[in-house]
C-alpha atoms as a PDB file:
ATOM      1  CA  MET A   1      -8.125  -7.692 -46.022  1.00  0.00           C
ATOM      2  CA  THR A   2     -11.515  -5.649 -45.160  1.00  0.00           C
ATOM      3  CA  GLU A   3     -10.801  -6.287 -41.327  1.00  0.00           C
ATOM      4  CA  LYS A   4      -7.273  -4.365 -42.311  1.00  0.00           C
ATOM      5  CA  LEU A   5      -8.491  -1.642 -44.024  1.00  0.00           C
ATOM      6  CA  SER A   6     -10.839  -1.229 -40.749  1.00  0.00           C
ATOM      7  CA  THR A   7      -7.851  -1.159 -39.044  1.00  0.00           C
ATOM      8  CA  LYS A   8      -6.057   0.961 -40.878  1.00  0.00           C
ATOM      9  CA  ARG A   9      -8.983   3.725 -41.113  1.00  0.00           C
ATOM     10  CA  TRP A  10      -9.784   3.452 -36.925  1.00  0.00           C
ATOM     11  CA  LYS A  11      -5.720   4.541 -37.041  1.00  0.00           C
ATOM     12  CA  MET A  12      -6.079   7.388 -39.060  1.00  0.00           C
ATOM     13  CA  VAL A  13      -9.658   8.874 -37.225  1.00  0.00           C
ATOM     14  CA  LEU A  14      -7.779   8.352 -34.275  1.00  0.00           C
ATOM     15  CA  THR A  15      -4.622  10.162 -35.449  1.00  0.00           C
ATOM     16  CA  GLY A  16      -6.568  13.324 -36.435  1.00  0.00           C
ATOM     17  CA  VAL A  17      -8.781  12.899 -33.794  1.00  0.00           C
ATOM     18  CA  THR A  18      -5.432  13.027 -31.506  1.00  0.00           C
ATOM     19  CA  LEU A  19      -4.528  16.939 -34.003  1.00  0.00           C
ATOM     20  CA  LEU A  20      -7.501  18.098 -33.071  1.00  0.00           C
ATOM     21  CA  ALA A  21      -8.092  17.594 -29.019  1.00  0.00           C
ATOM     22  CA  LEU A  22      -4.414  19.279 -28.971  1.00  0.00           C
ATOM     23  CA  VAL A  23      -4.866  22.187 -31.430  1.00  0.00           C
ATOM     24  CA  GLY A  24      -8.378  22.551 -28.808  1.00  0.00           C
ATOM     25  CA  LEU A  25      -5.316  22.576 -26.007  1.00  0.00           C
ATOM     26  CA  ALA A  26      -4.020  24.837 -26.873  1.00  0.00           C
ATOM     27  CA  TYR A  27      -6.693  26.637 -27.751  1.00  0.00           C
ATOM     28  CA  ALA A  28      -7.959  26.476 -24.596  1.00  0.00           C
ATOM     29  CA  VAL A  29      -5.330  28.089 -23.094  1.00  0.00           C
ATOM     30  CA  ARG A  30      -4.439  30.650 -25.297  1.00  0.00           C
ATOM     31  CA  HIS A  31      -4.822  33.411 -23.275  1.00  0.00           C
ATOM     32  CA  GLN A  32      -2.512  32.196 -21.044  1.00  0.00           C
ATOM     33  CA  LEU A  33      -0.485  31.778 -23.418  1.00  0.00           C
ATOM     34  CA  ALA A  34       0.083  35.114 -24.582  1.00  0.00           C
ATOM     35  CA  ASP A  35       0.367  36.638 -20.980  1.00  0.00           C
ATOM     36  CA  THR A  36       3.164  33.716 -20.666  1.00  0.00           C
ATOM     37  CA  VAL A  37       5.276  35.115 -23.856  1.00  0.00           C
ATOM     38  CA  SER A  38       5.004  39.100 -21.661  1.00  0.00           C
ATOM     39  CA  ASN A  39       6.102  37.996 -19.261  1.00  0.00           C
ATOM     40  CA  LEU A  40       9.152  36.048 -20.295  1.00  0.00           C
ATOM     41  CA  GLN A  41      10.969  39.269 -20.735  1.00  0.00           C
ATOM     42  CA  ARG A  42      11.385  39.497 -16.830  1.00  0.00           C
ATOM     43  CA  VAL A  43      12.373  36.081 -16.293  1.00  0.00           C
ATOM     44  CA  ASN A  44      15.802  34.512 -15.926  1.00  0.00           C
ATOM     45  CA  ALA A  45      16.097  32.679 -18.644  1.00  0.00           C
ATOM     46  CA  ALA A  46      18.702  30.242 -17.241  1.00  0.00           C
ATOM     47  CA  VAL A  47      17.558  29.550 -14.734  1.00  0.00           C
ATOM     48  CA  LEU A  48      14.239  27.841 -15.871  1.00  0.00           C
ATOM     49  CA  LEU A  49      16.027  25.882 -18.824  1.00  0.00           C
ATOM     50  CA  LEU A  50      16.698  23.612 -15.648  1.00  0.00           C
ATOM     51  CA  ILE A  51      13.516  22.393 -16.115  1.00  0.00           C
ATOM     52  CA  ILE A  52      14.658  20.511 -19.164  1.00  0.00           C
ATOM     53  CA  PRO A  53      17.137  18.104 -16.889  1.00  0.00           C
ATOM     54  CA  LEU A  54      14.607  18.200 -14.237  1.00  0.00           C
ATOM     55  CA  GLN A  55      12.016  16.514 -16.148  1.00  0.00           C
ATOM     56  CA  VAL A  56      14.458  13.656 -17.943  1.00  0.00           C
ATOM     57  CA  LEU A  57      15.173  12.816 -14.829  1.00  0.00           C
ATOM     58  CA  ASN A  58      10.991  12.443 -13.937  1.00  0.00           C
ATOM     59  CA  TYR A  59      10.828  10.226 -16.824  1.00  0.00           C
ATOM     60  CA  HIS A  60      14.248   8.384 -15.506  1.00  0.00           C
ATOM     61  CA  ALA A  61      12.515   7.720 -12.382  1.00  0.00           C
ATOM     62  CA  GLN A  62       9.181   7.141 -13.619  1.00  0.00           C
ATOM     63  CA  THR A  63      11.160   4.100 -15.859  1.00  0.00           C
ATOM     64  CA  LYS A  64      12.385   2.589 -13.206  1.00  0.00           C
ATOM     65  CA  LEU A  65      10.216   3.250 -11.461  1.00  0.00           C
ATOM     66  CA  TYR A  66       7.941   0.748 -13.881  1.00  0.00           C
ATOM     67  CA  GLN A  67      10.629  -1.418 -14.441  1.00  0.00           C
ATOM     68  CA  THR A  68      11.641  -2.192 -10.964  1.00  0.00           C
ATOM     69  CA  THR A  69       8.159  -3.263 -10.528  1.00  0.00           C
ATOM     70  CA  PHE A  70       7.939  -5.813 -13.800  1.00  0.00           C
ATOM     71  CA  TRP A  71      11.079  -7.590 -12.222  1.00  0.00           C
ATOM     72  CA  LEU A  72       9.007  -8.277  -9.180  1.00  0.00           C
ATOM     73  CA  LEU A  73       6.428  -9.545 -11.743  1.00  0.00           C
ATOM     74  CA  GLY A  74       9.284 -11.934 -13.356  1.00  0.00           C
ATOM     75  CA  ASP A  75       9.416  -9.926 -16.311  1.00  0.00           C
ATOM     76  CA  ARG A  76      13.100  -7.861 -17.692  1.00  0.00           C
ATOM     77  CA  LEU A  77      11.771  -5.540 -19.420  1.00  0.00           C
ATOM     78  CA  ARG A  78      14.014  -3.281 -21.548  1.00  0.00           C
ATOM     79  CA  TYR A  79      15.012   0.736 -19.745  1.00  0.00           C
ATOM     80  CA  ARG A  80      14.680   2.572 -23.084  1.00  0.00           C
ATOM     81  CA  SER A  81      11.432   0.938 -24.803  1.00  0.00           C
ATOM     82  CA  LEU A  82       9.808   1.701 -21.081  1.00  0.00           C
ATOM     83  CA  TYR A  83      10.611   5.139 -20.944  1.00  0.00           C
ATOM     84  CA  ARG A  84       9.668   5.611 -25.058  1.00  0.00           C
ATOM     85  CA  LEU A  85       6.947   4.522 -23.434  1.00  0.00           C
ATOM     86  CA  SER A  86       6.122   6.873 -20.554  1.00  0.00           C
ATOM     87  CA  LEU A  87       6.689   9.575 -22.478  1.00  0.00           C
ATOM     88  CA  GLU A  88       4.126   8.376 -25.154  1.00  0.00           C
ATOM     89  CA  LEU A  89       1.643   7.820 -21.756  1.00  0.00           C
ATOM     90  CA  ASN A  90       2.175  11.096 -20.784  1.00  0.00           C
ATOM     91  CA  PHE A  91       0.940  12.788 -24.376  1.00  0.00           C
ATOM     92  CA  VAL A  92      -2.108  10.163 -23.982  1.00  0.00           C
ATOM     93  CA  ASN A  93      -2.997  11.364 -20.257  1.00  0.00           C
ATOM     94  CA  ASN A  94      -2.253  15.162 -21.189  1.00  0.00           C
ATOM     95  CA  ILE A  95      -4.678  15.022 -25.076  1.00  0.00           C
ATOM     96  CA  PHE A  96      -7.515  12.948 -24.380  1.00  0.00           C
ATOM     97  CA  PRO A  97      -9.760  14.011 -22.270  1.00  0.00           C
ATOM     98  CA  SER A  98     -10.831  10.792 -20.127  1.00  0.00           C
ATOM     99  CA  ALA A  99      -9.605  11.678 -16.699  1.00  0.00           C
ATOM    100  CA  SER A 100      -6.306   8.993 -17.364  1.00  0.00           C
ATOM    101  CA  VAL A 101      -8.493   6.432 -18.032  1.00  0.00           C
ATOM    102  CA  SER A 102      -6.862   6.573 -21.611  1.00  0.00           C
ATOM    103  CA  GLY A 103      -3.369   6.227 -19.918  1.00  0.00           C
ATOM    104  CA  PHE A 104      -4.538   2.746 -18.561  1.00  0.00           C
ATOM    105  CA  SER A 105      -5.485   1.332 -21.779  1.00  0.00           C
ATOM    106  CA  TYR A 106      -2.676   2.740 -23.812  1.00  0.00           C
ATOM    107  CA  PHE A 107      -0.188   0.920 -21.574  1.00  0.00           C
ATOM    108  CA  GLY A 108      -1.692  -1.744 -21.594  1.00  0.00           C
ATOM    109  CA  VAL A 109      -2.066  -2.493 -25.574  1.00  0.00           C
ATOM    110  CA  ARG A 110       1.434  -0.846 -26.250  1.00  0.00           C
ATOM    111  CA  LEU A 111       2.628  -3.594 -23.731  1.00  0.00           C
ATOM    112  CA  LYS A 112       0.494  -6.516 -24.894  1.00  0.00           C
ATOM    113  CA  SER A 113       2.291  -5.874 -28.500  1.00  0.00           C
ATOM    114  CA  GLY A 114       5.064  -4.751 -27.571  1.00  0.00           C
ATOM    115  CA  ALA A 115       6.114  -7.588 -24.738  1.00  0.00           C
ATOM    116  CA  ASN A 116       3.352  -9.657 -24.908  1.00  0.00           C
ATOM    117  CA  ILE A 117       2.507  -8.681 -21.157  1.00  0.00           C
ATOM    118  CA  SER A 118      -1.098  -9.487 -20.001  1.00  0.00           C
ATOM    119  CA  GLY A 119      -3.544  -6.400 -19.612  1.00  0.00           C
ATOM    120  CA  ALA A 120      -3.766  -7.389 -15.807  1.00  0.00           C
ATOM    121  CA  LYS A 121      -0.065  -7.351 -15.540  1.00  0.00           C
ATOM    122  CA  ALA A 122       0.258  -3.420 -16.900  1.00  0.00           C
ATOM    123  CA  THR A 123      -3.175  -2.224 -14.747  1.00  0.00           C
ATOM    124  CA  LEU A 124      -1.173  -4.025 -11.661  1.00  0.00           C
ATOM    125  CA  VAL A 125       1.825  -1.729 -12.616  1.00  0.00           C
ATOM    126  CA  GLN A 126      -0.097   0.720 -13.325  1.00  0.00           C
ATOM    127  CA  LEU A 127      -2.241   1.239  -9.824  1.00  0.00           C
ATOM    128  CA  MET A 128       1.389   0.159  -7.990  1.00  0.00           C
ATOM    129  CA  LYS A 129       2.614   3.111  -9.647  1.00  0.00           C
ATOM    130  CA  PHE A 130      -0.237   5.599  -8.234  1.00  0.00           C
ATOM    131  CA  ILE A 131      -0.101   3.474  -5.132  1.00  0.00           C
ATOM    132  CA  MET A 132       4.020   4.935  -4.949  1.00  0.00           C
ATOM    133  CA  MET A 133       3.723   8.431  -5.633  1.00  0.00           C
ATOM    134  CA  PHE A 134       0.968   8.616  -3.278  1.00  0.00           C
ATOM    135  CA  VAL A 135       2.434   6.767  -0.313  1.00  0.00           C
ATOM    136  CA  SER A 136       5.119   8.872  -1.092  1.00  0.00           C
ATOM    137  CA  PHE A 137       3.234  11.780  -1.458  1.00  0.00           C
ATOM    138  CA  GLN A 138       2.602  11.628   1.898  1.00  0.00           C
ATOM    139  CA  ILE A 139       5.817  12.072   3.055  1.00  0.00           C
ATOM    140  CA  LEU A 140       6.586  15.269   1.507  1.00  0.00           C
ATOM    141  CA  LEU A 141       2.885  16.585   2.306  1.00  0.00           C
ATOM    142  CA  ALA A 142       4.137  16.165   5.804  1.00  0.00           C
ATOM    143  CA  VAL A 143       7.489  17.828   4.857  1.00  0.00           C
ATOM    144  CA  GLY A 144       5.895  20.918   3.029  1.00  0.00           C
ATOM    145  CA  LEU A 145       3.515  21.338   6.383  1.00  0.00           C
ATOM    146  CA  LEU A 146       6.527  21.700   8.849  1.00  0.00           C
ATOM    147  CA  MET A 147       7.846  24.070   6.400  1.00  0.00           C
ATOM    148  CA  LEU A 148       5.075  26.053   6.281  1.00  0.00           C
ATOM    149  CA  ALA A 149       4.619  25.795   9.810  1.00  0.00           C
ATOM    150  CA  VAL A 150       7.904  26.685  10.746  1.00  0.00           C
ATOM    151  CA  GLU A 151       7.726  29.960   9.110  1.00  0.00           C
ATOM    152  CA  GLY A 152       4.313  30.653  10.630  1.00  0.00           C
ATOM    153  CA  GLN A 153       2.888  30.306   7.392  1.00  0.00           C
ATOM    154  CA  ALA A 154       0.320  27.193   8.221  1.00  0.00           C
ATOM    155  CA  ASN A 155      -2.991  28.534   8.915  1.00  0.00           C
ATOM    156  CA  GLY A 156      -6.329  26.740   9.317  1.00  0.00           C
ATOM    157  CA  VAL A 157      -7.305  26.162   5.961  1.00  0.00           C
ATOM    158  CA  VAL A 158      -3.686  25.372   4.807  1.00  0.00           C
ATOM    159  CA  ILE A 159      -3.531  22.479   7.120  1.00  0.00           C
ATOM    160  CA  LEU A 160      -6.958  21.144   6.677  1.00  0.00           C
ATOM    161  CA  VAL A 161      -6.484  21.274   2.899  1.00  0.00           C
ATOM    162  CA  ALA A 162      -3.076  19.079   3.394  1.00  0.00           C
ATOM    163  CA  SER A 163      -4.872  16.972   6.059  1.00  0.00           C
ATOM    164  CA  SER A 164      -8.159  16.158   4.397  1.00  0.00           C
ATOM    165  CA  LEU A 165      -5.847  14.791   1.244  1.00  0.00           C
ATOM    166  CA  MET A 166      -3.356  12.872   3.186  1.00  0.00           C
ATOM    167  CA  THR A 167      -6.664  11.361   5.147  1.00  0.00           C
ATOM    168  CA  LEU A 168      -7.949  10.590   1.492  1.00  0.00           C
ATOM    169  CA  LEU A 169      -4.821   9.189  -0.343  1.00  0.00           C
ATOM    170  CA  VAL A 170      -4.442   7.172   2.830  1.00  0.00           C
ATOM    171  CA  VAL A 171      -8.109   5.365   3.055  1.00  0.00           C
ATOM    172  CA  THR A 172      -7.690   4.757  -1.211  1.00  0.00           C
ATOM    173  CA  THR A 173      -4.692   3.366  -0.747  1.00  0.00           C
ATOM    174  CA  PHE A 174      -5.479   0.980   1.667  1.00  0.00           C
ATOM    175  CA  GLY A 175      -9.209   0.389   0.424  1.00  0.00           C
ATOM    176  CA  LEU A 176      -7.907  -0.680  -3.409  1.00  0.00           C
ATOM    177  CA  ALA A 177      -5.665  -3.309  -1.028  1.00  0.00           C
ATOM    178  CA  TYR A 178      -8.287  -4.323   0.683  1.00  0.00           C
ATOM    179  CA  VAL A 179     -10.185  -4.882  -2.418  1.00  0.00           C
ATOM    180  CA  ILE A 180      -7.172  -6.671  -4.419  1.00  0.00           C
ATOM    181  CA  GLY A 181      -6.034  -8.451  -1.844  1.00  0.00           C
ATOM    182  CA  SER A 182      -8.875 -11.437  -1.517  1.00  0.00           C
ATOM    183  CA  LYS A 183      -9.773 -13.623  -5.182  1.00  0.00           C
ATOM    184  CA  ARG A 184     -13.414 -12.937  -3.771  1.00  0.00           C
ATOM    185  CA  ARG A 185     -13.941  -9.536  -2.863  1.00  0.00           C
ATOM    186  CA  ILE A 186     -12.552  -8.179  -5.941  1.00  0.00           C
ATOM    187  CA  ASN A 187     -14.554 -10.541  -8.304  1.00  0.00           C
ATOM    188  CA  ALA A 188     -17.301  -8.954  -5.931  1.00  0.00           C
ATOM    189  CA  PHE A 189     -16.382  -5.564  -6.680  1.00  0.00           C
ATOM    190  CA  PHE A 190     -15.795  -5.423  -9.543  1.00  0.00           C
ATOM    191  CA  THR A 191     -18.011  -7.815 -11.252  1.00  0.00           C
ATOM    192  CA  THR A 192     -20.470  -5.249  -9.255  1.00  0.00           C
ATOM    193  CA  VAL A 193     -18.858  -2.164 -10.917  1.00  0.00           C
ATOM    194  CA  THR A 194     -19.623  -3.643 -14.394  1.00  0.00           C
ATOM    195  CA  LYS A 195     -23.481  -4.499 -14.216  1.00  0.00           C
ATOM    196  CA  TRP A 196     -23.928  -1.092 -13.164  1.00  0.00           C
ATOM    197  CA  LEU A 197     -21.981  -0.258 -16.162  1.00  0.00           C
ATOM    198  CA  ASN A 198     -23.442  -2.515 -18.439  1.00  0.00           C
ATOM    199  CA  ARG A 199     -26.964  -0.950 -16.472  1.00  0.00           C
ATOM    200  CA  ALA A 200     -24.991   2.300 -17.900  1.00  0.00           C
ATOM    201  CA  ILE A 201     -24.672   1.649 -20.965  1.00  0.00           C
ATOM    202  CA  GLN A 202     -27.922   0.162 -21.786  1.00  0.00           C
ATOM    203  CA  VAL A 203     -29.635   3.327 -21.290  1.00  0.00           C
ATOM    204  CA  VAL A 204     -27.936   4.221 -24.169  1.00  0.00           C
ATOM    205  CA  ARG A 205     -27.376   1.092 -26.062  1.00  0.00           C
ATOM    206  CA  PRO A 206     -31.017  -0.872 -25.014  1.00  0.00           C
ATOM    207  CA  LYS A 207     -30.024  -3.951 -27.221  1.00  0.00           C
ATOM    208  CA  HIS A 208     -27.491  -4.552 -25.509  1.00  0.00           C
ATOM    209  CA  PRO A 209     -27.591  -5.587 -22.414  1.00  0.00           C
ATOM    210  CA  GLU A 210     -24.154  -6.867 -21.549  1.00  0.00           C
ATOM    211  CA  THR A 211     -21.466  -4.151 -22.754  1.00  0.00           C
ATOM    212  CA  ILE A 212     -18.615  -5.079 -20.985  1.00  0.00           C
ATOM    213  CA  ASN A 213     -18.797  -9.223 -20.430  1.00  0.00           C
ATOM    214  CA  ILE A 214     -18.991  -9.830 -16.926  1.00  0.00           C
ATOM    215  CA  GLU A 215     -17.168 -13.071 -17.243  1.00  0.00           C
ATOM    216  CA  ARG A 216     -14.071 -11.851 -19.341  1.00  0.00           C
ATOM    217  CA  VAL A 217     -13.819  -9.164 -16.477  1.00  0.00           C
ATOM    218  CA  GLN A 218     -13.686 -11.633 -14.001  1.00  0.00           C
ATOM    219  CA  THR A 219     -10.990 -13.374 -15.258  1.00  0.00           C
ATOM    220  CA  VAL A 220      -8.758 -10.230 -15.494  1.00  0.00           C
ATOM    221  CA  PHE A 221      -8.924  -8.998 -12.363  1.00  0.00           C
ATOM    222  CA  THR A 222      -8.307 -12.436 -11.143  1.00  0.00           C
ATOM    223  CA  ASP A 223      -5.545 -12.641 -12.591  1.00  0.00           C
ATOM    224  CA  LEU A 224      -4.610  -9.182 -11.629  1.00  0.00           C
ATOM    225  CA  HIS A 225      -4.770  -9.947  -8.042  1.00  0.00           C
ATOM    226  CA  HIS A 226      -2.622 -13.365  -8.678  1.00  0.00           C
ATOM    227  CA  ASN A 227       0.155 -10.884 -10.067  1.00  0.00           C
ATOM    228  CA  TYR A 228      -0.203  -8.550  -6.440  1.00  0.00           C
ATOM    229  CA  MET A 229      -0.666 -11.327  -4.744  1.00  0.00           C
ATOM    230  CA  THR A 230       2.888 -11.868  -5.995  1.00  0.00           C
ATOM    231  CA  LEU A 231       4.492  -8.389  -5.013  1.00  0.00           C
ATOM    232  CA  ARG A 232       3.076  -9.405  -1.551  1.00  0.00           C
ATOM    233  CA  LYS A 233       5.009 -11.846  -0.957  1.00  0.00           C
ATOM    234  CA  ASP A 234       8.234  -9.630  -0.360  1.00  0.00           C
ATOM    235  CA  VAL A 235       6.557  -5.736   0.863  1.00  0.00           C
ATOM    236  CA  ARG A 236      10.595  -4.991   1.172  1.00  0.00           C
ATOM    237  CA  ALA A 237      11.124  -4.810  -1.941  1.00  0.00           C
ATOM    238  CA  LEU A 238       8.761  -2.618  -2.923  1.00  0.00           C
ATOM    239  CA  GLY A 239      11.667  -0.372  -1.156  1.00  0.00           C
ATOM    240  CA  THR A 240      12.922   0.542  -4.587  1.00  0.00           C
ATOM    241  CA  PRO A 241       9.523   1.550  -6.530  1.00  0.00           C
ATOM    242  CA  LEU A 242       8.772   3.635  -3.718  1.00  0.00           C
ATOM    243  CA  MET A 243      11.941   5.410  -3.783  1.00  0.00           C
ATOM    244  CA  TYR A 244      12.184   6.236  -7.431  1.00  0.00           C
ATOM    245  CA  SER A 245       8.429   7.336  -6.836  1.00  0.00           C
ATOM    246  CA  LEU A 246      10.134   9.530  -4.085  1.00  0.00           C
ATOM    247  CA  LEU A 247      12.393  11.570  -6.317  1.00  0.00           C
ATOM    248  CA  ALA A 248       9.570  11.703  -9.365  1.00  0.00           C
ATOM    249  CA  ASN A 249       7.381  13.438  -6.879  1.00  0.00           C
ATOM    250  CA  ILE A 250      10.663  15.815  -6.045  1.00  0.00           C
ATOM    251  CA  THR A 251      11.291  17.212  -9.565  1.00  0.00           C
ATOM    252  CA  GLU A 252       8.270  17.914 -10.236  1.00  0.00           C
ATOM    253  CA  ILE A 253       8.312  19.409  -7.670  1.00  0.00           C
ATOM    254  CA  THR A 254      10.967  21.341  -8.226  1.00  0.00           C
ATOM    255  CA  SER A 255      10.794  21.952 -11.580  1.00  0.00           C
ATOM    256  CA  ILE A 256       7.976  24.550 -10.299  1.00  0.00           C
ATOM    257  CA  TYR A 257       9.953  25.306  -8.145  1.00  0.00           C
ATOM    258  CA  VAL A 258      12.499  26.309 -10.515  1.00  0.00           C
ATOM    259  CA  VAL A 259       9.465  29.105 -12.064  1.00  0.00           C
ATOM    260  CA  TYR A 260       9.805  30.991  -9.105  1.00  0.00           C
ATOM    261  CA  VAL A 261      13.302  31.207  -8.609  1.00  0.00           C
ATOM    262  CA  ALA A 262      13.375  32.203 -12.374  1.00  0.00           C
ATOM    263  CA  PHE A 263      10.647  35.288 -10.865  1.00  0.00           C
ATOM    264  CA  GLY A 264      12.856  35.899  -8.660  1.00  0.00           C
ATOM    265  CA  ASN A 265      11.178  34.797  -5.825  1.00  0.00           C
ATOM    266  CA  TRP A 266      12.328  32.122  -2.979  1.00  0.00           C
ATOM    267  CA  ILE A 267       9.015  31.344  -2.075  1.00  0.00           C
ATOM    268  CA  ASN A 268       8.018  28.936   1.266  1.00  0.00           C
ATOM    269  CA  PRO A 269       8.906  25.065  -1.264  1.00  0.00           C
ATOM    270  CA  GLY A 270       6.255  24.046   1.205  1.00  0.00           C
ATOM    271  CA  ALA A 271       3.558  26.224  -0.273  1.00  0.00           C
ATOM    272  CA  VAL A 272       4.650  24.510  -3.620  1.00  0.00           C
ATOM    273  CA  ILE A 273       4.548  20.720  -2.503  1.00  0.00           C
ATOM    274  CA  ILE A 274       0.828  21.584  -1.285  1.00  0.00           C
ATOM    275  CA  ALA A 275      -0.466  23.661  -3.846  1.00  0.00           C
ATOM    276  CA  TYR A 276       1.058  20.772  -6.494  1.00  0.00           C
ATOM    277  CA  ALA A 277      -0.898  17.476  -4.205  1.00  0.00           C
ATOM    278  CA  ILE A 278      -4.163  18.568  -4.737  1.00  0.00           C
ATOM    279  CA  ALA A 279      -3.484  20.307  -7.741  1.00  0.00           C
ATOM    280  CA  ASN A 280      -2.314  17.335  -9.547  1.00  0.00           C
ATOM    281  CA  PHE A 281      -5.325  15.109  -8.036  1.00  0.00           C
ATOM    282  CA  ALA A 282      -7.408  17.120  -9.194  1.00  0.00           C
ATOM    283  CA  GLY A 283      -6.281  16.970 -12.564  1.00  0.00           C
ATOM    284  CA  PHE A 284      -5.931  13.222 -12.274  1.00  0.00           C
ATOM    285  CA  VAL A 285      -9.800  12.738 -11.790  1.00  0.00           C
ATOM    286  CA  SER A 286     -11.167  15.999 -14.187  1.00  0.00           C
ATOM    287  CA  VAL A 287     -12.240  14.753 -17.956  1.00  0.00           C
ATOM    288  CA  LEU A 288     -10.300  18.439 -19.312  1.00  0.00           C
ATOM    289  CA  PRO A 289      -7.249  17.575 -21.503  1.00  0.00           C
ATOM    290  CA  GLY A 290      -4.315  17.788 -18.990  1.00  0.00           C
ATOM    291  CA  GLY A 291      -6.680  18.988 -15.979  1.00  0.00           C
ATOM    292  CA  VAL A 292      -6.266  22.582 -17.877  1.00  0.00           C
ATOM    293  CA  GLY A 293      -7.865  25.387 -16.161  1.00  0.00           C
ATOM    294  CA  ILE A 294      -9.105  23.810 -13.196  1.00  0.00           C
ATOM    295  CA  TYR A 295      -5.149  22.539 -12.164  1.00  0.00           C
ATOM    296  CA  GLU A 296      -4.396  26.432 -12.567  1.00  0.00           C
ATOM    297  CA  ALA A 297      -6.930  27.517 -10.469  1.00  0.00           C
ATOM    298  CA  LEU A 298      -6.443  25.237  -7.796  1.00  0.00           C
ATOM    299  CA  MET A 299      -2.642  25.789  -7.654  1.00  0.00           C
ATOM    300  CA  THR A 300      -3.121  29.648  -7.717  1.00  0.00           C
ATOM    301  CA  ALA A 301      -5.943  29.312  -4.597  1.00  0.00           C
ATOM    302  CA  VAL A 302      -3.738  26.524  -2.369  1.00  0.00           C
ATOM    303  CA  LEU A 303      -0.856  28.996  -3.057  1.00  0.00           C
ATOM    304  CA  ALA A 304      -2.963  32.401  -1.971  1.00  0.00           C
ATOM    305  CA  ALA A 305      -4.103  30.581   1.179  1.00  0.00           C
ATOM    306  CA  ALA A 306      -0.254  29.929   2.311  1.00  0.00           C
ATOM    307  CA  GLY A 307       0.831  33.639   0.955  1.00  0.00           C
ATOM    308  CA  VAL A 308       1.639  33.344  -2.128  1.00  0.00           C
ATOM    309  CA  PRO A 309       0.039  36.565  -4.410  1.00  0.00           C
ATOM    310  CA  ALA A 310      -1.732  35.863  -7.010  1.00  0.00           C
ATOM    311  CA  GLY A 311      -0.829  38.337  -9.044  1.00  0.00           C
ATOM    312  CA  LEU A 312       2.412  35.932  -8.460  1.00  0.00           C
ATOM    313  CA  SER A 313       1.403  32.361  -8.318  1.00  0.00           C
ATOM    314  CA  LEU A 314      -0.753  32.744 -11.529  1.00  0.00           C
ATOM    315  CA  PRO A 315       1.357  33.605 -14.145  1.00  0.00           C
ATOM    316  CA  VAL A 316       3.882  31.345 -12.821  1.00  0.00           C
ATOM    317  CA  THR A 317       1.632  28.141 -12.532  1.00  0.00           C
ATOM    318  CA  VAL A 318       0.781  28.758 -16.501  1.00  0.00           C
ATOM    319  CA  MET A 319       4.502  29.031 -17.223  1.00  0.00           C
ATOM    320  CA  TYR A 320       4.948  25.823 -15.622  1.00  0.00           C
ATOM    321  CA  ARG A 321       2.196  24.055 -17.834  1.00  0.00           C
ATOM    322  CA  VAL A 322       3.287  25.665 -20.982  1.00  0.00           C
ATOM    323  CA  LEU A 323       7.165  25.158 -20.272  1.00  0.00           C
ATOM    324  CA  ASN A 324       6.347  21.922 -18.465  1.00  0.00           C
ATOM    325  CA  MET A 325       4.104  20.633 -22.121  1.00  0.00           C
ATOM    326  CA  ALA A 326       6.113  22.240 -24.192  1.00  0.00           C
ATOM    327  CA  VAL A 327       9.246  19.951 -22.695  1.00  0.00           C
ATOM    328  CA  GLN A 328       7.548  16.679 -23.103  1.00  0.00           C
ATOM    329  CA  LEU A 329       4.887  16.606 -25.100  1.00  0.00           C
ATOM    330  CA  PRO A 330       6.794  17.271 -28.569  1.00  0.00           C
ATOM    331  CA  PRO A 331       9.159  13.923 -28.256  1.00  0.00           C
ATOM    332  CA  GLY A 332       5.849  12.097 -26.756  1.00  0.00           C
ATOM    333  CA  GLY A 333       3.787  13.180 -29.036  1.00  0.00           C
ATOM    334  CA  ILE A 334       6.106  12.033 -31.621  1.00  0.00           C
ATOM    335  CA  LEU A 335       6.519   8.284 -30.482  1.00  0.00           C
ATOM    336  CA  TYR A 336       2.829   8.225 -30.059  1.00  0.00           C
ATOM    337  CA  HIS A 337       2.755   8.472 -33.450  1.00  0.00           C
ATOM    338  CA  ARG A 338       5.058   6.329 -34.584  1.00  0.00           C
ATOM    339  CA  ALA A 339       3.871   3.434 -32.668  1.00  0.00           C
ATOM    340  CA  LEU A 340       0.610   3.517 -34.311  1.00  0.00           C
ATOM    341  CA  HIS A 341       2.854   3.547 -37.525  1.00  0.00           C
ATOM    342  CA  ALA A 342       4.312   0.575 -36.495  1.00  0.00           C
ATOM    343  CA  LYS A 343       1.472  -0.619 -35.104  1.00  0.00           C
ATOM    344  CA  THR A 344      -1.018  -0.037 -38.064  1.00  0.00           C
ATOM    345  CA  ALA A 345       2.755  -1.867 -40.398  1.00  0.00           C
ATOM    346  CA  GLN A 346       2.216  -4.302 -38.351  1.00  0.00           C
ATOM    347  CA  ASP A 347      -1.192  -5.707 -39.185  1.00  0.00           C
ATOM    348  CA  GLU A 348      -1.103  -5.153 -42.094  1.00  0.00           C
END
């Protein structure tokens, strides 16, 4: 009984923290919100509404990406439940300041309780999603550079930024595959990382030399390796998840471009592709909720380097962010809290 009350109290605290984080996020972008509202008078509202079907299609692509990857691992998960989870996951990643770490944890917990999927398998599917998104984006980066080159806008700065990101994505993708592809390498790598983390945590908790259990970590990542090897048996089958990842990237970039069109500006799509890639990558590693501030600044800077005036790119970027959050966060937040309350009721 005491344990159930403790769990319920923890859930209530987590809900309160979530609401506070959401209020904090709105406060952090209050000035940009005011600018966006003032700019609404000169934009084409009908064009802006295209963001809604584009985002619906985006989440369809993400859902199918998850679903087809799980199918390759032998798990038939329902489309509807994965679509809901995708919306919840976006809410968690945008609200909690943890550089997408919260999303990995939440994804694993939800699938464990809802579909009896192991944490290692859920982690692998999340990793595969990011790898697929990275790989498909390299295709789009090349297309973006070509578009800029055709109009003579592919200057040295833009080429350096795009080529650096492409190199980083390639090295990260192959490096991760190299580590996960060997049971010995994955155990050695993550055991070392776990030891470093335990030493860092021990500075704050001197009486706990092993906060993260090394044997448990080794078990989890051994399971991760086995699931990865299952996927590697038929590499050609990964073509379907890759197609959906490409669709997800295209719909997100198109959503940004729609805002430019609503402002009456048909800029070079290549500039949007490269700026989105840089800002999205920075937002992924940022500890701020949704990469707020960093995302907008980088988008504006890269677009300026590609010849798009900051006076245009900044309000467009902010409006895209505000509209994107307005479309995604409310349904994601509602579904997240329903899942939270359902888990609490189940524990009781």
